[in-house]
N, C-alpha and C. Protein backbone atom coordinates (compact mmCIF):
# COMPACT_ATOMS: atom_id res chain seq x y z
N MET A 1 -95.00 -65.02 66.38
CA MET A 1 -94.36 -66.31 66.40
C MET A 1 -95.20 -67.34 65.67
N VAL A 2 -96.50 -67.32 65.93
CA VAL A 2 -97.40 -68.27 65.28
C VAL A 2 -97.46 -68.00 63.78
N GLU A 3 -97.43 -66.69 63.41
CA GLU A 3 -97.46 -66.33 61.99
C GLU A 3 -96.23 -66.87 61.27
N ALA A 4 -95.07 -66.79 61.91
CA ALA A 4 -93.84 -67.31 61.31
C ALA A 4 -93.92 -68.81 61.11
N ALA A 5 -94.49 -69.51 62.08
CA ALA A 5 -94.64 -70.96 61.96
C ALA A 5 -95.61 -71.31 60.84
N ASN A 6 -96.72 -70.57 60.75
CA ASN A 6 -97.69 -70.80 59.67
C ASN A 6 -97.07 -70.53 58.31
N GLU A 7 -96.25 -69.47 58.23
CA GLU A 7 -95.60 -69.15 56.96
C GLU A 7 -94.62 -70.25 56.57
N ALA A 8 -93.88 -70.78 57.54
CA ALA A 8 -92.94 -71.88 57.26
C ALA A 8 -93.68 -73.12 56.78
N VAL A 9 -94.81 -73.42 57.38
CA VAL A 9 -95.60 -74.58 56.96
C VAL A 9 -96.14 -74.38 55.55
N SER A 10 -96.63 -73.18 55.25
CA SER A 10 -97.18 -72.94 53.91
C SER A 10 -96.09 -72.99 52.85
N LYS A 11 -94.89 -72.53 53.18
CA LYS A 11 -93.78 -72.61 52.22
C LYS A 11 -93.40 -74.05 51.96
N SER A 12 -93.37 -74.89 53.02
CA SER A 12 -93.00 -76.29 52.83
C SER A 12 -94.06 -77.04 52.04
N GLU A 13 -95.33 -76.62 52.18
CA GLU A 13 -96.41 -77.27 51.42
C GLU A 13 -96.35 -76.88 49.94
N THR A 14 -95.91 -75.66 49.66
CA THR A 14 -95.87 -75.20 48.27
C THR A 14 -94.54 -75.51 47.59
N PHE A 15 -93.53 -75.88 48.36
CA PHE A 15 -92.21 -76.20 47.79
C PHE A 15 -92.30 -77.47 46.95
N LYS A 16 -91.97 -77.33 45.69
CA LYS A 16 -91.95 -78.47 44.77
C LYS A 16 -90.49 -78.70 44.37
N PRO A 17 -89.86 -79.68 44.98
CA PRO A 17 -88.43 -79.88 44.72
C PRO A 17 -88.14 -80.27 43.27
N ARG A 18 -87.00 -79.81 42.81
CA ARG A 18 -86.50 -80.20 41.49
C ARG A 18 -85.39 -81.22 41.73
N ILE A 19 -85.70 -82.47 41.41
CA ILE A 19 -84.75 -83.56 41.63
C ILE A 19 -84.41 -84.19 40.30
N ILE A 20 -83.12 -84.32 40.05
CA ILE A 20 -82.64 -84.97 38.83
C ILE A 20 -82.19 -86.37 39.20
N ALA A 21 -82.67 -87.36 38.45
CA ALA A 21 -82.30 -88.76 38.69
C ALA A 21 -81.51 -89.28 37.50
N PHE A 22 -80.29 -89.69 37.74
CA PHE A 22 -79.48 -90.34 36.71
C PHE A 22 -79.68 -91.84 36.89
N LEU A 23 -80.32 -92.48 35.92
CA LEU A 23 -80.70 -93.88 36.04
C LEU A 23 -79.96 -94.74 35.02
N CYS A 24 -79.40 -95.84 35.51
CA CYS A 24 -78.73 -96.82 34.66
C CYS A 24 -79.74 -97.39 33.65
N ASN A 25 -79.33 -97.43 32.40
CA ASN A 25 -80.19 -97.92 31.32
C ASN A 25 -80.65 -99.36 31.54
N TRP A 26 -79.78 -100.19 32.08
CA TRP A 26 -80.04 -101.62 32.12
C TRP A 26 -80.90 -102.05 33.30
N CYS A 27 -80.84 -101.33 34.39
CA CYS A 27 -81.59 -101.75 35.58
C CYS A 27 -82.53 -100.67 36.08
N SER A 28 -81.99 -99.58 36.57
CA SER A 28 -82.80 -98.57 37.25
C SER A 28 -83.81 -97.89 36.34
N TYR A 29 -83.40 -97.58 35.12
CA TYR A 29 -84.35 -96.96 34.20
C TYR A 29 -85.46 -97.95 33.87
N ALA A 30 -85.10 -99.20 33.70
CA ALA A 30 -86.11 -100.23 33.45
C ALA A 30 -87.04 -100.39 34.65
N GLY A 31 -86.49 -100.27 35.87
CA GLY A 31 -87.32 -100.32 37.07
C GLY A 31 -88.28 -99.15 37.14
N ALA A 32 -87.80 -97.96 36.75
CA ALA A 32 -88.66 -96.77 36.71
C ALA A 32 -89.74 -96.94 35.65
N ASP A 33 -89.35 -97.49 34.51
CA ASP A 33 -90.31 -97.72 33.43
C ASP A 33 -91.39 -98.72 33.87
N LEU A 34 -90.96 -99.77 34.56
CA LEU A 34 -91.92 -100.76 35.06
C LEU A 34 -92.86 -100.12 36.08
N ALA A 35 -92.34 -99.24 36.92
CA ALA A 35 -93.20 -98.54 37.89
C ALA A 35 -94.27 -97.73 37.15
N GLY A 36 -93.87 -97.09 36.06
CA GLY A 36 -94.83 -96.32 35.28
C GLY A 36 -95.86 -97.19 34.58
N THR A 37 -95.39 -98.25 33.93
CA THR A 37 -96.33 -99.11 33.21
C THR A 37 -97.22 -99.90 34.16
N SER A 38 -96.75 -100.11 35.39
CA SER A 38 -97.56 -100.80 36.40
C SER A 38 -98.48 -99.84 37.14
N ARG A 39 -98.39 -98.57 36.78
CA ARG A 39 -99.22 -97.51 37.38
C ARG A 39 -99.01 -97.40 38.89
N ILE A 40 -97.76 -97.59 39.30
CA ILE A 40 -97.42 -97.41 40.72
C ILE A 40 -97.29 -95.90 40.95
N GLN A 41 -97.96 -95.42 41.97
CA GLN A 41 -97.95 -93.99 42.27
C GLN A 41 -96.67 -93.62 43.01
N TYR A 42 -95.99 -92.58 42.50
CA TYR A 42 -94.84 -92.02 43.20
C TYR A 42 -94.73 -90.55 42.84
N SER A 43 -93.92 -89.84 43.56
CA SER A 43 -93.81 -88.39 43.42
C SER A 43 -93.41 -87.98 42.00
N PRO A 44 -94.04 -86.94 41.46
CA PRO A 44 -93.70 -86.48 40.11
C PRO A 44 -92.54 -85.48 40.08
N HIS A 45 -91.88 -85.26 41.20
CA HIS A 45 -90.85 -84.22 41.28
C HIS A 45 -89.46 -84.69 40.84
N VAL A 46 -89.37 -85.89 40.30
CA VAL A 46 -88.09 -86.44 39.86
C VAL A 46 -88.07 -86.50 38.35
N HIS A 47 -87.02 -85.91 37.77
CA HIS A 47 -86.84 -85.90 36.32
C HIS A 47 -85.73 -86.90 35.97
N ALA A 48 -86.10 -87.97 35.30
CA ALA A 48 -85.16 -89.06 35.01
C ALA A 48 -84.33 -88.77 33.77
N ILE A 49 -83.05 -89.07 33.89
CA ILE A 49 -82.12 -89.01 32.77
C ILE A 49 -81.48 -90.39 32.66
N ARG A 50 -81.63 -91.00 31.50
CA ARG A 50 -81.08 -92.34 31.29
C ARG A 50 -79.61 -92.24 30.89
N VAL A 51 -78.78 -93.02 31.57
CA VAL A 51 -77.35 -93.10 31.24
C VAL A 51 -77.02 -94.58 31.02
N ASN A 52 -76.00 -94.86 30.24
CA ASN A 52 -75.67 -96.26 29.97
C ASN A 52 -75.31 -97.02 31.23
N CYS A 53 -74.62 -96.37 32.14
CA CYS A 53 -74.19 -97.01 33.38
C CYS A 53 -74.08 -95.94 34.44
N SER A 54 -74.37 -96.29 35.68
CA SER A 54 -74.25 -95.31 36.76
C SER A 54 -72.81 -94.80 36.89
N SER A 55 -71.85 -95.58 36.42
CA SER A 55 -70.44 -95.13 36.48
C SER A 55 -70.15 -93.98 35.53
N ARG A 56 -71.07 -93.70 34.63
CA ARG A 56 -70.88 -92.58 33.70
C ARG A 56 -71.16 -91.24 34.35
N ILE A 57 -71.66 -91.26 35.58
CA ILE A 57 -71.97 -90.02 36.29
C ILE A 57 -70.73 -89.56 37.04
N ASP A 58 -70.13 -88.53 36.53
CA ASP A 58 -68.93 -87.96 37.13
C ASP A 58 -69.34 -87.08 38.32
N PRO A 59 -68.56 -87.06 39.39
CA PRO A 59 -68.89 -86.18 40.51
C PRO A 59 -69.05 -84.71 40.09
N ALA A 60 -68.29 -84.28 39.10
CA ALA A 60 -68.41 -82.90 38.61
C ALA A 60 -69.79 -82.66 38.00
N THR A 61 -70.35 -83.67 37.37
CA THR A 61 -71.69 -83.54 36.78
C THR A 61 -72.72 -83.35 37.89
N VAL A 62 -72.59 -84.09 38.96
CA VAL A 62 -73.52 -83.97 40.08
C VAL A 62 -73.38 -82.60 40.72
N LEU A 63 -72.16 -82.16 40.94
CA LEU A 63 -71.91 -80.85 41.54
C LEU A 63 -72.49 -79.75 40.65
N LYS A 64 -72.29 -79.85 39.35
CA LYS A 64 -72.82 -78.85 38.43
C LYS A 64 -74.35 -78.85 38.45
N THR A 65 -74.95 -80.02 38.56
CA THR A 65 -76.41 -80.13 38.63
C THR A 65 -76.93 -79.39 39.86
N ILE A 66 -76.26 -79.56 40.99
CA ILE A 66 -76.64 -78.85 42.22
C ILE A 66 -76.42 -77.35 42.05
N LEU A 67 -75.28 -76.97 41.50
CA LEU A 67 -74.97 -75.55 41.32
C LEU A 67 -75.93 -74.86 40.35
N MET A 68 -76.51 -75.63 39.43
CA MET A 68 -77.46 -75.07 38.49
C MET A 68 -78.88 -74.99 39.07
N GLY A 69 -79.06 -75.43 40.30
CA GLY A 69 -80.32 -75.23 40.98
C GLY A 69 -81.13 -76.45 41.32
N ALA A 70 -80.66 -77.64 41.00
CA ALA A 70 -81.41 -78.83 41.40
C ALA A 70 -81.42 -78.92 42.92
N ASP A 71 -82.55 -79.28 43.48
CA ASP A 71 -82.66 -79.42 44.93
C ASP A 71 -82.07 -80.74 45.41
N GLY A 72 -81.98 -81.73 44.52
CA GLY A 72 -81.43 -83.02 44.88
C GLY A 72 -81.04 -83.80 43.64
N VAL A 73 -80.15 -84.77 43.82
CA VAL A 73 -79.71 -85.64 42.73
C VAL A 73 -79.78 -87.08 43.22
N LEU A 74 -80.47 -87.89 42.45
CA LEU A 74 -80.57 -89.33 42.73
C LEU A 74 -79.77 -90.06 41.67
N ILE A 75 -78.87 -90.92 42.11
CA ILE A 75 -78.11 -91.78 41.20
C ILE A 75 -78.56 -93.21 41.49
N ALA A 76 -79.01 -93.91 40.47
CA ALA A 76 -79.47 -95.28 40.68
C ALA A 76 -78.82 -96.19 39.64
N GLY A 77 -78.36 -97.33 40.10
CA GLY A 77 -77.70 -98.28 39.22
C GLY A 77 -78.04 -99.71 39.57
N CYS A 78 -77.40 -100.61 38.86
CA CYS A 78 -77.59 -102.04 39.10
C CYS A 78 -77.02 -102.42 40.47
N HIS A 79 -77.53 -103.49 41.02
CA HIS A 79 -76.98 -103.98 42.29
C HIS A 79 -75.54 -104.43 42.06
N PRO A 80 -74.66 -104.22 43.05
CA PRO A 80 -73.27 -104.68 42.91
C PRO A 80 -73.23 -106.18 42.59
N GLY A 81 -72.40 -106.53 41.64
CA GLY A 81 -72.26 -107.91 41.22
C GLY A 81 -73.08 -108.28 40.00
N VAL A 82 -74.04 -107.43 39.62
CA VAL A 82 -74.86 -107.73 38.45
C VAL A 82 -74.84 -106.60 37.43
N CYS A 83 -73.80 -105.78 37.48
CA CYS A 83 -73.67 -104.66 36.54
C CYS A 83 -73.48 -105.19 35.12
N HIS A 84 -74.16 -104.58 34.17
CA HIS A 84 -74.06 -104.95 32.76
C HIS A 84 -72.60 -104.81 32.28
N TYR A 85 -71.89 -103.86 32.88
CA TYR A 85 -70.49 -103.62 32.52
C TYR A 85 -69.53 -104.19 33.57
N LYS A 86 -69.98 -105.16 34.31
CA LYS A 86 -69.24 -105.92 35.31
C LYS A 86 -68.90 -105.14 36.58
N THR A 87 -68.11 -104.06 36.47
CA THR A 87 -67.67 -103.35 37.67
C THR A 87 -68.06 -101.87 37.67
N GLY A 88 -68.90 -101.45 36.79
CA GLY A 88 -69.27 -100.04 36.69
C GLY A 88 -69.85 -99.48 37.98
N ASN A 89 -70.74 -100.24 38.61
CA ASN A 89 -71.36 -99.73 39.83
C ASN A 89 -70.39 -99.69 41.01
N LEU A 90 -69.31 -100.47 40.94
CA LEU A 90 -68.30 -100.39 42.00
C LEU A 90 -67.56 -99.06 41.91
N TYR A 91 -67.31 -98.61 40.68
CA TYR A 91 -66.73 -97.27 40.48
C TYR A 91 -67.69 -96.20 41.00
N THR A 92 -68.97 -96.41 40.73
CA THR A 92 -69.99 -95.46 41.18
C THR A 92 -69.96 -95.33 42.69
N ARG A 93 -69.89 -96.45 43.38
CA ARG A 93 -69.89 -96.43 44.84
C ARG A 93 -68.68 -95.66 45.37
N ARG A 94 -67.51 -95.88 44.79
CA ARG A 94 -66.31 -95.16 45.22
C ARG A 94 -66.43 -93.66 44.96
N ARG A 95 -66.93 -93.31 43.77
CA ARG A 95 -67.09 -91.89 43.43
C ARG A 95 -68.11 -91.22 44.34
N TYR A 96 -69.16 -91.94 44.69
CA TYR A 96 -70.19 -91.38 45.56
C TYR A 96 -69.61 -91.02 46.92
N MET A 97 -68.79 -91.89 47.47
CA MET A 97 -68.17 -91.60 48.76
C MET A 97 -67.29 -90.35 48.68
N MET A 98 -66.54 -90.23 47.58
CA MET A 98 -65.71 -89.05 47.39
C MET A 98 -66.58 -87.81 47.19
N LEU A 99 -67.68 -87.97 46.47
CA LEU A 99 -68.58 -86.86 46.18
C LEU A 99 -69.18 -86.29 47.47
N ARG A 100 -69.55 -87.16 48.40
CA ARG A 100 -70.12 -86.68 49.67
C ARG A 100 -69.12 -85.78 50.41
N THR A 101 -67.86 -86.16 50.39
CA THR A 101 -66.82 -85.34 51.02
C THR A 101 -66.66 -84.02 50.28
N LEU A 102 -66.68 -84.08 48.97
CA LEU A 102 -66.56 -82.87 48.14
C LEU A 102 -67.72 -81.91 48.41
N LEU A 103 -68.93 -82.44 48.51
CA LEU A 103 -70.10 -81.59 48.77
C LEU A 103 -69.99 -80.92 50.13
N GLU A 104 -69.57 -81.67 51.14
CA GLU A 104 -69.39 -81.09 52.48
C GLU A 104 -68.36 -79.97 52.45
N THR A 105 -67.27 -80.20 51.73
CA THR A 105 -66.21 -79.19 51.62
C THR A 105 -66.74 -77.93 50.93
N ALA A 106 -67.63 -78.11 49.97
CA ALA A 106 -68.20 -76.98 49.23
C ALA A 106 -69.34 -76.31 49.99
N GLY A 107 -69.71 -76.84 51.15
CA GLY A 107 -70.77 -76.25 51.95
C GLY A 107 -72.17 -76.66 51.50
N ILE A 108 -72.25 -77.77 50.77
CA ILE A 108 -73.54 -78.29 50.30
C ILE A 108 -73.86 -79.52 51.13
N ASN A 109 -75.08 -79.59 51.62
CA ASN A 109 -75.49 -80.73 52.43
C ASN A 109 -75.41 -82.01 51.58
N PRO A 110 -74.59 -82.99 51.99
CA PRO A 110 -74.45 -84.23 51.20
C PRO A 110 -75.73 -85.05 51.13
N GLU A 111 -76.71 -84.75 51.99
CA GLU A 111 -77.98 -85.46 51.94
C GLU A 111 -78.79 -85.10 50.69
N ARG A 112 -78.34 -84.09 49.95
CA ARG A 112 -79.02 -83.70 48.71
C ARG A 112 -78.70 -84.65 47.56
N VAL A 113 -77.77 -85.56 47.80
CA VAL A 113 -77.40 -86.55 46.78
C VAL A 113 -77.59 -87.94 47.39
N ARG A 114 -78.17 -88.82 46.60
CA ARG A 114 -78.45 -90.18 47.11
C ARG A 114 -78.08 -91.21 46.05
N LEU A 115 -77.49 -92.30 46.48
CA LEU A 115 -77.15 -93.43 45.62
C LEU A 115 -77.99 -94.62 46.03
N GLU A 116 -78.61 -95.28 45.05
CA GLU A 116 -79.43 -96.46 45.32
C GLU A 116 -79.18 -97.51 44.25
N TRP A 117 -79.36 -98.75 44.63
CA TRP A 117 -79.29 -99.87 43.68
C TRP A 117 -80.72 -100.35 43.44
N VAL A 118 -81.16 -100.27 42.20
CA VAL A 118 -82.53 -100.66 41.83
C VAL A 118 -82.46 -101.51 40.57
N SER A 119 -82.97 -102.74 40.63
CA SER A 119 -82.95 -103.61 39.45
C SER A 119 -84.18 -103.36 38.59
N ALA A 120 -84.17 -103.97 37.42
CA ALA A 120 -85.25 -103.79 36.46
C ALA A 120 -86.59 -104.30 36.97
N SER A 121 -86.57 -105.24 37.89
CA SER A 121 -87.82 -105.82 38.41
C SER A 121 -88.29 -105.16 39.70
N GLU A 122 -87.58 -104.15 40.17
CA GLU A 122 -87.91 -103.54 41.46
C GLU A 122 -88.65 -102.22 41.30
N ALA A 123 -89.79 -102.27 40.64
CA ALA A 123 -90.60 -101.07 40.44
C ALA A 123 -91.07 -100.49 41.76
N ASN A 124 -91.49 -101.34 42.68
CA ASN A 124 -91.95 -100.86 43.98
C ASN A 124 -90.81 -100.21 44.76
N LYS A 125 -89.62 -100.78 44.67
CA LYS A 125 -88.48 -100.18 45.35
C LYS A 125 -88.16 -98.82 44.75
N TYR A 126 -88.20 -98.72 43.42
CA TYR A 126 -87.92 -97.43 42.78
C TYR A 126 -88.91 -96.37 43.29
N ALA A 127 -90.18 -96.70 43.30
CA ALA A 127 -91.20 -95.76 43.76
C ALA A 127 -90.96 -95.36 45.21
N ALA A 128 -90.60 -96.33 46.05
CA ALA A 128 -90.35 -96.05 47.47
C ALA A 128 -89.12 -95.15 47.64
N VAL A 129 -88.08 -95.42 46.87
CA VAL A 129 -86.86 -94.60 46.93
C VAL A 129 -87.17 -93.17 46.51
N VAL A 130 -87.91 -93.01 45.43
CA VAL A 130 -88.26 -91.67 44.96
C VAL A 130 -89.07 -90.93 46.02
N ASP A 131 -90.09 -91.58 46.54
CA ASP A 131 -90.93 -90.92 47.55
C ASP A 131 -90.14 -90.55 48.80
N ASP A 132 -89.26 -91.46 49.23
CA ASP A 132 -88.45 -91.19 50.42
C ASP A 132 -87.48 -90.04 50.16
N PHE A 133 -86.86 -90.00 48.98
CA PHE A 133 -85.91 -88.95 48.67
C PHE A 133 -86.61 -87.60 48.53
N VAL A 134 -87.77 -87.58 47.91
CA VAL A 134 -88.53 -86.33 47.80
C VAL A 134 -88.89 -85.83 49.20
N LYS A 135 -89.29 -86.73 50.08
CA LYS A 135 -89.61 -86.34 51.45
C LYS A 135 -88.39 -85.72 52.14
N LYS A 136 -87.23 -86.34 51.94
CA LYS A 136 -85.98 -85.84 52.55
C LYS A 136 -85.65 -84.45 52.01
N ILE A 137 -85.78 -84.26 50.70
CA ILE A 137 -85.46 -82.97 50.10
C ILE A 137 -86.45 -81.91 50.58
N LYS A 138 -87.71 -82.27 50.74
CA LYS A 138 -88.69 -81.32 51.27
C LYS A 138 -88.31 -80.90 52.69
N GLU A 139 -87.78 -81.84 53.48
CA GLU A 139 -87.32 -81.51 54.83
C GLU A 139 -86.14 -80.54 54.78
N LEU A 140 -85.23 -80.76 53.82
CA LEU A 140 -84.07 -79.89 53.69
C LEU A 140 -84.43 -78.51 53.15
N GLY A 141 -85.50 -78.45 52.36
CA GLY A 141 -85.93 -77.19 51.78
C GLY A 141 -85.25 -76.93 50.44
N PRO A 142 -85.55 -75.78 49.84
CA PRO A 142 -84.97 -75.46 48.54
C PRO A 142 -83.46 -75.38 48.58
N ASN A 143 -82.84 -75.62 47.46
CA ASN A 143 -81.40 -75.52 47.32
C ASN A 143 -81.00 -74.07 47.65
N PRO A 144 -80.14 -73.86 48.64
CA PRO A 144 -79.76 -72.48 49.00
C PRO A 144 -78.95 -71.78 47.92
N ILE A 145 -78.36 -72.54 47.02
CA ILE A 145 -77.57 -71.95 45.94
C ILE A 145 -78.48 -71.30 44.92
N GLY A 146 -79.62 -71.91 44.65
CA GLY A 146 -80.62 -71.31 43.78
C GLY A 146 -80.43 -71.53 42.29
N GLY A 147 -79.23 -71.61 41.82
CA GLY A 147 -78.99 -71.86 40.40
C GLY A 147 -79.17 -70.64 39.53
N LEU A 148 -79.26 -70.93 38.23
CA LEU A 148 -79.36 -69.83 37.25
C LEU A 148 -80.74 -69.25 37.15
């Protein structure tokens, strides 16, 4: 019994999650860039992909990312009301709610996907969100689908 617990602990310590972050070009990507240039420490397990607007992330893209083996997906955009494209992030919020239901239906834990609003000046918030999401994914463990 103790050996099984020790093995579980060692696996969780060696698990390095693969998290894909789709970041809005105008706010969230700039916030991530500011975190980097400010030398704010945060988890290196997130791979950022810049998109013009968080609304460009289709639920099918997120589902495919999970099916291809990502342990988690972070979607970050401008705060509601300050979107560069006026209402893009409102579409994102609606799609995210639908996506959570779709993931549950597909048997994928919806906690593997997270939506956050991060502005260009919120480098500390970006770092905190990344660290918190990585912690959550480590608790969930590797993606059971495994990918290609």
